[in-house]
């Protein structure tokens, strides 16, 4: 009987404590959605803006270093893609040969200016037709030159570095022809040799 009485007393005490705690809160128990909302914490830290600035600054600094390396020919600090051995070989091969397409921009500008001037001074459609024909013949010559260049270069790359060097994902072909139609002094990365004729081994 004494044990039962003690159990009843402890149960009543716990009930009183629970009521006092609820009364002490002074507000009803929050709903589940409210409780979950209070537990949510932002995944991004408060100083994310400062971190983004630092990250951008680091990326900008790395890009500046890589650009300077490409401008000066420093192979060790170029982007990883430019340090691939078949990329280096492709650049040296293109820089060593005479590419018809590298003069496309100056030639096209000269023909365009000449067409405008001659049309204003001597408005004859035959003159314009001749100039446009010259431009298209030059473009056709560029295409033939690039195709011949790539066929030779592709064989050399496969023999030296395997099929991986000319796979579609590597974009070696587009890399080669885009460099071939640029003026030599404007190319990036900068040619390793000032003059043509230094063929890669």
N, C-alpha and C. Protein backbone atom coordinates (compact mmCIF):
# COMPACT_ATOMS: atom_id res chain seq x y z
N UNK A 1 0.84 -1.21 0.00
CA UNK A 1 0.00 0.00 0.00
C UNK A 1 0.87 1.25 0.00
N UNK A 2 1.99 1.18 0.69
CA UNK A 2 2.88 2.34 0.77
C UNK A 2 3.50 2.62 -0.59
N UNK A 3 3.80 1.53 -1.33
CA UNK A 3 4.41 1.70 -2.66
C UNK A 3 3.44 2.34 -3.63
N UNK A 4 2.18 1.89 -3.59
CA UNK A 4 1.15 2.47 -4.46
C UNK A 4 0.95 3.94 -4.15
N UNK A 5 1.00 4.27 -2.90
CA UNK A 5 0.81 5.67 -2.51
C UNK A 5 1.94 6.54 -3.02
N UNK A 6 3.19 5.99 -2.96
CA UNK A 6 4.33 6.76 -3.46
C UNK A 6 4.24 6.98 -4.96
N UNK A 7 3.78 5.92 -5.70
CA UNK A 7 3.62 6.04 -7.15
C UNK A 7 2.60 7.09 -7.51
N UNK A 8 1.50 7.12 -6.78
CA UNK A 8 0.46 8.13 -7.03
C UNK A 8 1.00 9.52 -6.76
N UNK A 9 1.77 9.65 -5.68
CA UNK A 9 2.32 10.97 -5.34
C UNK A 9 3.29 11.46 -6.41
N UNK A 10 4.15 10.55 -6.92
CA UNK A 10 5.12 10.95 -7.95
C UNK A 10 4.43 11.30 -9.26
N UNK A 11 3.36 10.58 -9.59
CA UNK A 11 2.61 10.86 -10.81
C UNK A 11 1.94 12.21 -10.73
N UNK A 12 1.38 12.52 -9.56
CA UNK A 12 0.73 13.82 -9.39
C UNK A 12 1.75 14.95 -9.44
N UNK A 13 2.95 14.68 -8.89
CA UNK A 13 3.98 15.71 -8.92
C UNK A 13 4.43 16.00 -10.37
N UNK A 14 4.59 14.93 -11.18
CA UNK A 14 4.97 15.12 -12.59
C UNK A 14 3.91 15.88 -13.35
N UNK A 15 2.65 15.60 -13.06
CA UNK A 15 1.55 16.30 -13.72
C UNK A 15 1.57 17.78 -13.38
N UNK A 16 1.84 18.09 -12.10
CA UNK A 16 1.90 19.48 -11.67
C UNK A 16 3.07 20.20 -12.34
N UNK A 17 4.24 19.49 -12.44
CA UNK A 17 5.40 20.10 -13.07
C UNK A 17 5.15 20.39 -14.56
N UNK A 18 4.47 19.44 -15.25
CA UNK A 18 4.18 19.64 -16.67
C UNK A 18 3.24 20.82 -16.86
N UNK A 19 2.23 20.94 -15.95
CA UNK A 19 1.31 22.07 -16.06
C UNK A 19 2.01 23.38 -15.79
N UNK A 20 2.96 23.36 -14.81
CA UNK A 20 3.67 24.59 -14.49
C UNK A 20 4.58 25.00 -15.64
N UNK A 21 5.21 23.98 -16.30
CA UNK A 21 6.06 24.30 -17.45
C UNK A 21 5.26 24.90 -18.58
N UNK A 22 4.07 24.32 -18.86
CA UNK A 22 3.23 24.85 -19.92
C UNK A 22 2.75 26.24 -19.59
N UNK A 23 2.45 26.44 -18.31
CA UNK A 23 2.01 27.78 -17.91
C UNK A 23 3.16 28.77 -17.97
N UNK A 24 4.40 28.28 -17.70
CA UNK A 24 5.55 29.16 -17.72
C UNK A 24 5.90 29.63 -19.12
N UNK A 25 5.56 28.82 -20.15
CA UNK A 25 5.87 29.24 -21.51
C UNK A 25 5.08 30.47 -21.89
N UNK A 26 3.89 30.52 -21.46
CA UNK A 26 3.05 31.67 -21.78
C UNK A 26 2.54 31.66 -23.21
N UNK A 27 2.70 30.53 -23.92
CA UNK A 27 2.21 30.45 -25.30
C UNK A 27 1.90 28.99 -25.61
N UNK A 28 1.03 28.74 -26.58
CA UNK A 28 0.69 27.35 -26.91
C UNK A 28 1.85 26.64 -27.61
N UNK A 29 1.82 25.33 -27.60
CA UNK A 29 2.87 24.54 -28.26
C UNK A 29 2.83 24.80 -29.76
N UNK A 30 3.99 25.10 -30.36
CA UNK A 30 3.99 25.40 -31.80
C UNK A 30 3.62 24.19 -32.64
N UNK A 31 3.06 24.47 -33.81
CA UNK A 31 2.70 23.40 -34.73
C UNK A 31 3.96 22.79 -35.35
N UNK A 32 3.75 21.63 -36.01
CA UNK A 32 4.89 20.94 -36.57
C UNK A 32 5.61 21.78 -37.63
N UNK A 33 4.85 22.45 -38.52
CA UNK A 33 5.46 23.26 -39.57
C UNK A 33 6.30 24.40 -38.98
N UNK A 34 5.75 25.01 -37.91
CA UNK A 34 6.49 26.11 -37.27
C UNK A 34 7.77 25.60 -36.63
N UNK A 35 7.68 24.43 -35.98
CA UNK A 35 8.87 23.86 -35.34
C UNK A 35 9.93 23.50 -36.37
N UNK A 36 9.48 22.93 -37.51
CA UNK A 36 10.44 22.58 -38.56
C UNK A 36 11.07 23.82 -39.17
N UNK A 37 10.27 24.87 -39.33
CA UNK A 37 10.80 26.11 -39.90
C UNK A 37 11.86 26.73 -38.99
N UNK A 38 11.65 26.60 -37.66
CA UNK A 38 12.63 27.15 -36.73
C UNK A 38 13.94 26.36 -36.75
N UNK A 39 13.83 25.06 -37.07
CA UNK A 39 15.03 24.23 -37.10
C UNK A 39 15.85 24.42 -38.37
N UNK A 40 15.20 24.97 -39.42
CA UNK A 40 15.93 25.15 -40.68
C UNK A 40 17.04 26.16 -40.51
N UNK A 41 18.17 25.87 -41.09
CA UNK A 41 19.32 26.76 -41.07
C UNK A 41 19.81 26.94 -42.49
N UNK A 42 20.23 28.11 -42.89
CA UNK A 42 20.74 28.31 -44.25
C UNK A 42 21.99 27.49 -44.49
N UNK A 43 22.02 26.82 -45.66
CA UNK A 43 23.17 26.00 -46.01
C UNK A 43 24.39 26.86 -46.35
N UNK A 44 24.15 28.06 -46.87
CA UNK A 44 25.24 28.97 -47.23
C UNK A 44 25.58 29.83 -46.03
N UNK A 45 26.83 29.95 -45.68
CA UNK A 45 27.20 30.77 -44.53
C UNK A 45 26.90 32.25 -44.77
N UNK A 46 26.86 33.01 -43.67
CA UNK A 46 26.49 34.42 -43.77
C UNK A 46 27.49 35.22 -44.59
N UNK A 47 28.75 34.83 -44.60
CA UNK A 47 29.77 35.57 -45.32
C UNK A 47 29.97 35.03 -46.74
N UNK A 48 28.90 34.48 -47.34
CA UNK A 48 29.01 33.89 -48.67
C UNK A 48 29.39 34.94 -49.71
N UNK A 49 28.94 36.16 -49.53
CA UNK A 49 29.28 37.22 -50.48
C UNK A 49 30.78 37.47 -50.49
N UNK A 50 31.37 37.50 -49.31
CA UNK A 50 32.81 37.70 -49.22
C UNK A 50 33.56 36.50 -49.79
N UNK A 51 33.03 35.30 -49.56
CA UNK A 51 33.67 34.10 -50.10
C UNK A 51 33.60 34.08 -51.62
N UNK A 52 32.46 34.52 -52.17
CA UNK A 52 32.33 34.59 -53.63
C UNK A 52 33.33 35.57 -54.21
N UNK A 53 33.52 36.69 -53.54
CA UNK A 53 34.50 37.68 -54.01
C UNK A 53 35.90 37.09 -54.02
N UNK A 54 36.23 36.38 -52.94
CA UNK A 54 37.57 35.77 -52.87
C UNK A 54 37.75 34.72 -53.95
N UNK A 55 36.69 33.91 -54.17
CA UNK A 55 36.77 32.88 -55.20
C UNK A 55 36.95 33.49 -56.59
N UNK A 56 36.20 34.56 -56.87
CA UNK A 56 36.33 35.25 -58.16
C UNK A 56 37.72 35.85 -58.32
N UNK A 57 38.23 36.40 -57.22
CA UNK A 57 39.57 36.99 -57.28
C UNK A 57 40.62 35.92 -57.58
N UNK A 58 40.46 34.73 -56.96
CA UNK A 58 41.41 33.64 -57.22
C UNK A 58 41.33 33.17 -58.67
N UNK A 59 40.09 33.05 -59.18
CA UNK A 59 39.91 32.62 -60.56
C UNK A 59 40.48 33.65 -61.52
N UNK A 60 40.25 34.94 -61.23
CA UNK A 60 40.77 36.00 -62.09
C UNK A 60 42.30 36.01 -62.09
N UNK A 61 42.87 35.79 -60.93
CA UNK A 61 44.33 35.77 -60.83
C UNK A 61 44.91 34.60 -61.62
N UNK A 62 44.26 33.42 -61.51
CA UNK A 62 44.74 32.26 -62.25
C UNK A 62 44.60 32.48 -63.76
N UNK A 63 43.48 33.08 -64.18
CA UNK A 63 43.28 33.35 -65.61
C UNK A 63 44.31 34.35 -66.13
N UNK A 64 44.63 35.35 -65.32
CA UNK A 64 45.65 36.33 -65.73
C UNK A 64 47.01 35.66 -65.89
N UNK A 65 47.35 34.76 -64.97
CA UNK A 65 48.62 34.03 -65.06
C UNK A 65 48.65 33.17 -66.32
N UNK A 66 47.52 32.47 -66.60
CA UNK A 66 47.45 31.61 -67.77
C UNK A 66 47.52 32.42 -69.06
N UNK A 67 46.84 33.58 -69.08
CA UNK A 67 46.88 34.42 -70.29
C UNK A 67 48.29 34.96 -70.53
N UNK A 68 48.95 35.38 -69.47
CA UNK A 68 50.31 35.88 -69.61
C UNK A 68 51.25 34.77 -70.08
N UNK A 69 51.00 33.56 -69.59
CA UNK A 69 51.82 32.42 -70.03
C UNK A 69 51.60 32.13 -71.51
N UNK A 70 50.37 32.23 -71.97
CA UNK A 70 50.07 32.01 -73.39
C UNK A 70 50.66 33.13 -74.25
N UNK A 71 50.70 34.33 -73.70
CA UNK A 71 51.23 35.47 -74.46
C UNK A 71 52.75 35.41 -74.58
N UNK A 72 53.39 34.89 -73.54
CA UNK A 72 54.85 34.82 -73.52
C UNK A 72 55.39 33.47 -73.96
N UNK A 73 54.51 32.46 -74.07
CA UNK A 73 54.97 31.14 -74.47
C UNK A 73 55.45 30.27 -73.33
N UNK A 74 55.07 30.61 -72.10
CA UNK A 74 55.49 29.84 -70.92
C UNK A 74 54.59 28.61 -70.79
N UNK A 75 55.07 27.48 -71.26
CA UNK A 75 54.26 26.27 -71.33
C UNK A 75 53.85 25.77 -69.94
N UNK A 76 54.68 25.95 -68.93
CA UNK A 76 54.42 25.40 -67.60
C UNK A 76 53.21 26.03 -66.93
N UNK A 77 52.86 27.26 -67.29
CA UNK A 77 51.76 27.95 -66.63
C UNK A 77 50.54 28.16 -67.53
N UNK A 78 50.54 27.49 -68.66
CA UNK A 78 49.38 27.57 -69.56
C UNK A 78 48.25 26.70 -69.01
N UNK A 79 47.02 26.88 -69.52
CA UNK A 79 45.93 25.97 -69.13
C UNK A 79 46.28 24.52 -69.47
N UNK A 80 45.67 23.59 -68.76
CA UNK A 80 46.00 22.18 -68.93
C UNK A 80 45.79 21.72 -70.37
N UNK A 81 44.71 22.21 -71.00
CA UNK A 81 44.42 21.79 -72.37
C UNK A 81 45.54 22.19 -73.33
N UNK A 82 46.16 23.33 -73.08
CA UNK A 82 47.22 23.80 -73.96
C UNK A 82 48.54 23.07 -73.72
N UNK A 83 48.63 22.35 -72.60
CA UNK A 83 49.87 21.64 -72.29
C UNK A 83 49.86 20.20 -72.78
N UNK A 84 48.74 19.75 -73.34
CA UNK A 84 48.68 18.39 -73.88
C UNK A 84 49.73 18.24 -74.98
N UNK A 85 50.45 17.13 -75.01
CA UNK A 85 51.55 17.00 -75.98
C UNK A 85 51.11 17.12 -77.44
N UNK A 86 49.93 16.58 -77.77
CA UNK A 86 49.48 16.69 -79.17
C UNK A 86 49.02 18.11 -79.51
N UNK A 87 48.61 18.87 -78.50
CA UNK A 87 48.29 20.28 -78.74
C UNK A 87 49.57 21.06 -79.06
N UNK A 88 50.61 20.79 -78.29
CA UNK A 88 51.90 21.45 -78.52
C UNK A 88 52.42 21.09 -79.91
N UNK A 89 52.31 19.82 -80.27
CA UNK A 89 52.76 19.36 -81.59
C UNK A 89 51.95 20.05 -82.69
N UNK A 90 50.64 20.14 -82.51
CA UNK A 90 49.77 20.79 -83.51
C UNK A 90 50.16 22.25 -83.70
N UNK A 91 50.38 22.95 -82.59
CA UNK A 91 50.77 24.36 -82.69
C UNK A 91 52.09 24.52 -83.44
N UNK A 92 53.06 23.70 -83.08
CA UNK A 92 54.37 23.81 -83.73
C UNK A 92 54.27 23.49 -85.22
N UNK A 93 53.42 22.53 -85.57
CA UNK A 93 53.26 22.17 -86.97
C UNK A 93 52.61 23.31 -87.75
N UNK A 94 51.55 23.89 -87.20
CA UNK A 94 50.86 25.00 -87.88
C UNK A 94 51.79 26.21 -88.01
N UNK A 95 52.53 26.49 -86.95
CA UNK A 95 53.41 27.67 -86.96
C UNK A 95 54.60 27.49 -87.90
N UNK A 96 54.95 26.24 -88.19
CA UNK A 96 56.11 25.99 -89.04
C UNK A 96 55.78 26.14 -90.53
N UNK A 97 54.52 25.94 -90.90
CA UNK A 97 54.17 25.97 -92.32
C UNK A 97 53.60 27.33 -92.73
N UNK A 98 53.55 27.55 -94.03
CA UNK A 98 52.91 28.74 -94.57
C UNK A 98 51.44 28.42 -94.82
N UNK A 99 50.55 29.13 -94.14
CA UNK A 99 49.11 28.89 -94.23
C UNK A 99 48.45 30.00 -95.04
N UNK A 100 47.77 29.61 -96.09
CA UNK A 100 47.10 30.61 -96.94
C UNK A 100 46.03 31.35 -96.15
N UNK A 101 45.36 30.64 -95.26
CA UNK A 101 44.22 31.22 -94.56
C UNK A 101 44.56 32.28 -93.53
N UNK A 102 45.83 32.36 -93.12
CA UNK A 102 46.15 33.33 -92.07
C UNK A 102 46.02 34.78 -92.54
N UNK A 103 45.95 34.99 -93.85
CA UNK A 103 45.80 36.35 -94.38
C UNK A 103 44.36 36.65 -94.79
N UNK A 104 43.43 35.81 -94.34
CA UNK A 104 42.04 35.98 -94.75
C UNK A 104 41.46 37.32 -94.31
N UNK A 105 41.65 37.68 -93.05
CA UNK A 105 41.06 38.93 -92.53
C UNK A 105 41.60 40.15 -93.27
N UNK A 106 42.92 40.32 -93.43
CA UNK A 106 43.40 41.49 -94.19
C UNK A 106 42.91 41.51 -95.63
N UNK A 107 42.94 40.35 -96.28
CA UNK A 107 42.49 40.29 -97.68
C UNK A 107 41.01 40.63 -97.79
N UNK A 108 40.20 40.08 -96.91
CA UNK A 108 38.77 40.36 -96.94
C UNK A 108 38.49 41.85 -96.70
N UNK A 109 39.23 42.46 -95.78
CA UNK A 109 39.05 43.89 -95.52
C UNK A 109 39.44 44.74 -96.73
N UNK A 110 40.53 44.39 -97.37
CA UNK A 110 40.98 45.13 -98.56
C UNK A 110 39.94 45.03 -99.66
N UNK A 111 39.43 43.83 -99.91
CA UNK A 111 38.43 43.64 -100.95
C UNK A 111 37.15 44.39 -100.62
N UNK A 112 36.75 44.39 -99.36
CA UNK A 112 35.52 45.09 -98.95
C UNK A 112 35.67 46.60 -99.15
N UNK A 113 36.79 47.16 -98.69
CA UNK A 113 37.03 48.60 -98.85
C UNK A 113 37.11 48.98 -100.32
N UNK A 114 37.83 48.17 -101.10
CA UNK A 114 37.94 48.45 -102.54
C UNK A 114 36.59 48.40 -103.22
N UNK A 115 35.76 47.46 -102.80
CA UNK A 115 34.42 47.35 -103.39
C UNK A 115 33.58 48.59 -103.09
N UNK A 116 33.67 49.08 -101.86
CA UNK A 116 32.90 50.27 -101.48
C UNK A 116 33.39 51.50 -102.25
N UNK A 117 34.70 51.67 -102.33
CA UNK A 117 35.25 52.84 -103.01
C UNK A 117 34.95 52.81 -104.51
N UNK A 118 35.18 51.66 -105.14
CA UNK A 118 34.94 51.56 -106.57
C UNK A 118 33.46 51.69 -106.92
N UNK A 119 32.60 51.21 -106.04
CA UNK A 119 31.17 51.35 -106.27
C UNK A 119 30.75 52.81 -106.20
N UNK A 120 31.37 53.58 -105.30
CA UNK A 120 31.04 55.00 -105.17
C UNK A 120 31.62 55.82 -106.32
N UNK A 121 32.84 55.48 -106.73
CA UNK A 121 33.50 56.26 -107.79
C UNK A 121 33.06 55.80 -109.18
N UNK A 122 33.05 54.50 -109.37
CA UNK A 122 32.73 53.94 -110.69
C UNK A 122 31.68 52.85 -110.49
N UNK A 123 30.42 53.23 -110.40
CA UNK A 123 29.35 52.27 -110.10
C UNK A 123 29.09 51.30 -111.25
N UNK A 124 29.88 50.27 -111.29
CA UNK A 124 29.74 49.25 -112.32
C UNK A 124 29.62 47.89 -111.64
N UNK A 125 28.55 47.16 -111.86
CA UNK A 125 28.37 45.85 -111.19
C UNK A 125 29.44 44.83 -111.57
N UNK A 126 30.07 45.03 -112.72
CA UNK A 126 31.11 44.08 -113.15
C UNK A 126 32.31 44.12 -112.21
N UNK A 127 32.66 45.33 -111.76
CA UNK A 127 33.80 45.48 -110.85
C UNK A 127 33.51 44.77 -109.53
N UNK A 128 32.32 44.97 -109.00
CA UNK A 128 31.94 44.31 -107.75
C UNK A 128 31.94 42.79 -107.92
N UNK A 129 31.45 42.34 -109.06
CA UNK A 129 31.42 40.90 -109.33
C UNK A 129 32.83 40.32 -109.37
N UNK A 130 33.75 41.04 -109.98
CA UNK A 130 35.14 40.57 -110.06
C UNK A 130 35.76 40.46 -108.66
N UNK A 131 35.51 41.49 -107.84
CA UNK A 131 36.08 41.48 -106.48
C UNK A 131 35.50 40.34 -105.65
N UNK A 132 34.21 40.12 -105.77
CA UNK A 132 33.58 39.02 -105.03
C UNK A 132 34.09 37.67 -105.51
N UNK A 133 34.33 37.57 -106.81
CA UNK A 133 34.87 36.32 -107.36
C UNK A 133 36.26 36.04 -106.80
N UNK A 134 37.07 37.09 -106.74
CA UNK A 134 38.41 36.94 -106.16
C UNK A 134 38.32 36.47 -104.71
N UNK A 135 37.39 37.03 -103.96
CA UNK A 135 37.23 36.64 -102.56
C UNK A 135 36.82 35.18 -102.43
N UNK A 136 35.87 34.74 -103.25
CA UNK A 136 35.41 33.35 -103.18
C UNK A 136 36.49 32.37 -103.64
N UNK A 137 37.27 32.77 -104.63
CA UNK A 137 38.38 31.91 -105.07
C UNK A 137 39.40 31.77 -103.94
N UNK A 138 39.65 32.87 -103.24
CA UNK A 138 40.58 32.84 -102.11
C UNK A 138 40.05 31.94 -101.00
N UNK A 139 38.76 32.02 -100.71
CA UNK A 139 38.15 31.15 -99.70
C UNK A 139 38.27 29.69 -100.09
N UNK A 140 38.05 29.41 -101.36
CA UNK A 140 38.17 28.02 -101.85
C UNK A 140 39.60 27.52 -101.67
N UNK A 141 40.56 28.37 -101.94
CA UNK A 141 41.97 28.00 -101.76
C UNK A 141 42.29 27.74 -100.29
N UNK A 142 41.68 28.53 -99.40
CA UNK A 142 41.89 28.32 -97.96
C UNK A 142 41.36 26.96 -97.54
N UNK A 143 40.16 26.61 -98.01
CA UNK A 143 39.56 25.32 -97.65
C UNK A 143 40.45 24.17 -98.10
N UNK A 144 40.93 24.24 -99.34
CA UNK A 144 41.81 23.18 -99.85
C UNK A 144 43.08 23.09 -99.02
N UNK A 145 43.67 24.23 -98.70
CA UNK A 145 44.90 24.25 -97.91
C UNK A 145 44.69 23.65 -96.53
N UNK A 146 43.58 23.97 -95.89
CA UNK A 146 43.31 23.44 -94.55
C UNK A 146 43.07 21.93 -94.60
N UNK A 147 42.36 21.47 -95.61
CA UNK A 147 42.10 20.03 -95.73
C UNK A 147 43.40 19.27 -95.93
N UNK A 148 44.26 19.76 -96.82
CA UNK A 148 45.56 19.11 -97.05
C UNK A 148 46.40 19.11 -95.78
N UNK A 149 46.41 20.26 -95.09
CA UNK A 149 47.18 20.38 -93.85
C UNK A 149 46.70 19.37 -92.81
N UNK A 150 45.39 19.26 -92.62
CA UNK A 150 44.85 18.40 -91.58
C UNK A 150 45.09 16.93 -91.88
N UNK A 151 45.01 16.54 -93.14
CA UNK A 151 45.24 15.14 -93.49
C UNK A 151 46.67 14.73 -93.15
N UNK A 152 47.62 15.58 -93.44
CA UNK A 152 49.02 15.29 -93.11
C UNK A 152 49.24 15.29 -91.60
N UNK A 153 48.71 16.31 -90.95
CA UNK A 153 48.90 16.44 -89.51
C UNK A 153 48.23 15.30 -88.75
N UNK A 154 47.07 14.88 -89.20
CA UNK A 154 46.35 13.79 -88.53
C UNK A 154 47.16 12.50 -88.55
N UNK A 155 47.78 12.19 -89.68
CA UNK A 155 48.61 10.99 -89.77
C UNK A 155 49.79 11.07 -88.82
N UNK A 156 50.40 12.24 -88.74
CA UNK A 156 51.55 12.40 -87.85
C UNK A 156 51.14 12.26 -86.38
N UNK A 157 49.98 12.84 -86.01
CA UNK A 157 49.51 12.75 -84.63
C UNK A 157 49.18 11.32 -84.24
N UNK A 158 48.52 10.59 -85.13
CA UNK A 158 48.17 9.20 -84.83
C UNK A 158 49.43 8.36 -84.68
N UNK A 159 50.41 8.58 -85.54
CA UNK A 159 51.65 7.82 -85.47
C UNK A 159 52.42 8.10 -84.19
N UNK A 160 52.32 9.32 -83.70
CA UNK A 160 53.12 9.71 -82.52
C UNK A 160 52.36 9.55 -81.20
N UNK A 161 51.07 9.88 -81.20
CA UNK A 161 50.31 9.89 -79.94
C UNK A 161 49.11 8.95 -79.93
N UNK A 162 48.81 8.30 -81.03
CA UNK A 162 47.69 7.38 -81.06
C UNK A 162 46.38 8.04 -81.45
N UNK A 163 45.33 7.21 -81.53
CA UNK A 163 44.01 7.69 -81.95
C UNK A 163 43.40 8.70 -80.98
N UNK A 164 43.81 8.63 -79.73
CA UNK A 164 43.26 9.54 -78.72
C UNK A 164 43.50 11.01 -79.09
N UNK A 165 44.62 11.29 -79.72
CA UNK A 165 44.99 12.68 -80.03
C UNK A 165 44.06 13.32 -81.05
N UNK A 166 43.39 12.51 -81.87
CA UNK A 166 42.51 13.06 -82.90
C UNK A 166 41.05 12.68 -82.66
N UNK A 167 40.74 12.21 -81.45
CA UNK A 167 39.36 11.87 -81.12
C UNK A 167 38.48 13.12 -81.13
N UNK A 168 37.17 12.91 -81.31
CA UNK A 168 36.25 14.04 -81.41
C UNK A 168 36.26 14.90 -80.16
N UNK A 169 36.35 14.27 -79.01
CA UNK A 169 36.34 15.03 -77.76
C UNK A 169 37.54 15.95 -77.60
N UNK A 170 38.63 15.64 -78.26
CA UNK A 170 39.84 16.47 -78.16
C UNK A 170 39.75 17.73 -79.03
N UNK A 171 38.92 17.69 -80.07
CA UNK A 171 38.72 18.83 -80.98
C UNK A 171 40.05 19.33 -81.57
N UNK A 172 40.93 18.38 -81.87
CA UNK A 172 42.23 18.75 -82.42
C UNK A 172 42.10 19.35 -83.82
N UNK A 173 41.15 18.81 -84.60
CA UNK A 173 40.96 19.31 -85.96
C UNK A 173 40.54 20.77 -85.99
N UNK A 174 39.52 21.11 -85.20
CA UNK A 174 39.06 22.50 -85.15
C UNK A 174 40.13 23.41 -84.57
N UNK A 175 40.89 22.87 -83.61
CA UNK A 175 41.99 23.64 -83.02
C UNK A 175 43.04 23.97 -84.08
N UNK A 176 43.32 23.00 -84.94
CA UNK A 176 44.35 23.19 -85.97
C UNK A 176 43.90 24.21 -87.01
N UNK A 177 42.68 24.05 -87.55
CA UNK A 177 42.28 24.97 -88.63
C UNK A 177 42.01 26.37 -88.11
N UNK A 178 41.51 26.50 -86.87
CA UNK A 178 41.28 27.84 -86.33
C UNK A 178 42.61 28.58 -86.12
N UNK A 179 43.66 27.84 -85.77
CA UNK A 179 44.97 28.47 -85.63
C UNK A 179 45.57 28.79 -87.00
N UNK A 180 45.27 27.94 -87.98
CA UNK A 180 45.83 28.13 -89.31
C UNK A 180 45.29 29.37 -90.02
N UNK A 181 44.10 29.83 -89.64
CA UNK A 181 43.51 31.00 -90.31
C UNK A 181 43.72 32.28 -89.50
N UNK A 182 44.58 32.22 -88.50
CA UNK A 182 44.92 33.42 -87.72
C UNK A 182 46.28 33.95 -88.16
N UNK A 183 46.43 35.25 -88.12
CA UNK A 183 47.75 35.82 -88.38
C UNK A 183 48.74 35.30 -87.35
N UNK A 184 49.93 35.01 -87.79
CA UNK A 184 50.92 34.36 -86.92
C UNK A 184 51.21 35.17 -85.65
N UNK A 185 51.26 36.48 -85.78
CA UNK A 185 51.58 37.32 -84.62
C UNK A 185 50.41 37.44 -83.64
N UNK A 186 49.21 37.08 -84.06
CA UNK A 186 48.04 37.18 -83.20
C UNK A 186 47.71 35.87 -82.49
N UNK A 187 48.43 34.82 -82.79
CA UNK A 187 48.08 33.50 -82.26
C UNK A 187 48.39 33.39 -80.77
N UNK A 188 47.49 32.71 -80.09
CA UNK A 188 47.69 32.37 -78.68
C UNK A 188 47.41 30.90 -78.51
N UNK A 189 48.30 30.17 -77.85
CA UNK A 189 49.60 30.58 -77.32
C UNK A 189 50.55 31.08 -78.41
N UNK A 190 51.48 31.90 -77.98
CA UNK A 190 52.44 32.50 -78.91
C UNK A 190 53.32 31.42 -79.54
N UNK A 191 53.61 31.54 -80.85
CA UNK A 191 54.53 30.57 -81.48
C UNK A 191 55.88 30.53 -80.77
N UNK A 192 56.42 29.34 -80.66
CA UNK A 192 57.68 29.18 -79.94
C UNK A 192 58.88 29.72 -80.72
N UNK A 193 58.73 29.80 -82.03
CA UNK A 193 59.82 30.30 -82.88
C UNK A 193 59.33 31.50 -83.67
N UNK A 194 60.20 32.46 -83.86
CA UNK A 194 59.84 33.68 -84.56
C UNK A 194 59.60 33.46 -86.05
N UNK A 195 60.33 32.51 -86.63
CA UNK A 195 60.22 32.26 -88.07
C UNK A 195 59.64 30.88 -88.33
N UNK A 196 59.09 30.71 -89.51
CA UNK A 196 58.57 29.41 -89.93
C UNK A 196 59.72 28.44 -90.23
N UNK A 197 59.34 27.18 -90.39
CA UNK A 197 60.33 26.18 -90.76
C UNK A 197 60.83 25.30 -89.65
N UNK A 198 60.45 25.59 -88.39
CA UNK A 198 60.87 24.77 -87.25
C UNK A 198 59.82 23.68 -87.03
N UNK A 199 59.95 22.59 -87.77
CA UNK A 199 58.95 21.52 -87.71
C UNK A 199 59.12 20.69 -86.44
N UNK A 200 58.00 20.26 -85.84
CA UNK A 200 58.10 19.43 -84.62
C UNK A 200 58.67 18.06 -84.94
N UNK A 201 59.36 17.48 -83.96
CA UNK A 201 59.99 16.17 -84.16
C UNK A 201 59.07 15.07 -83.64
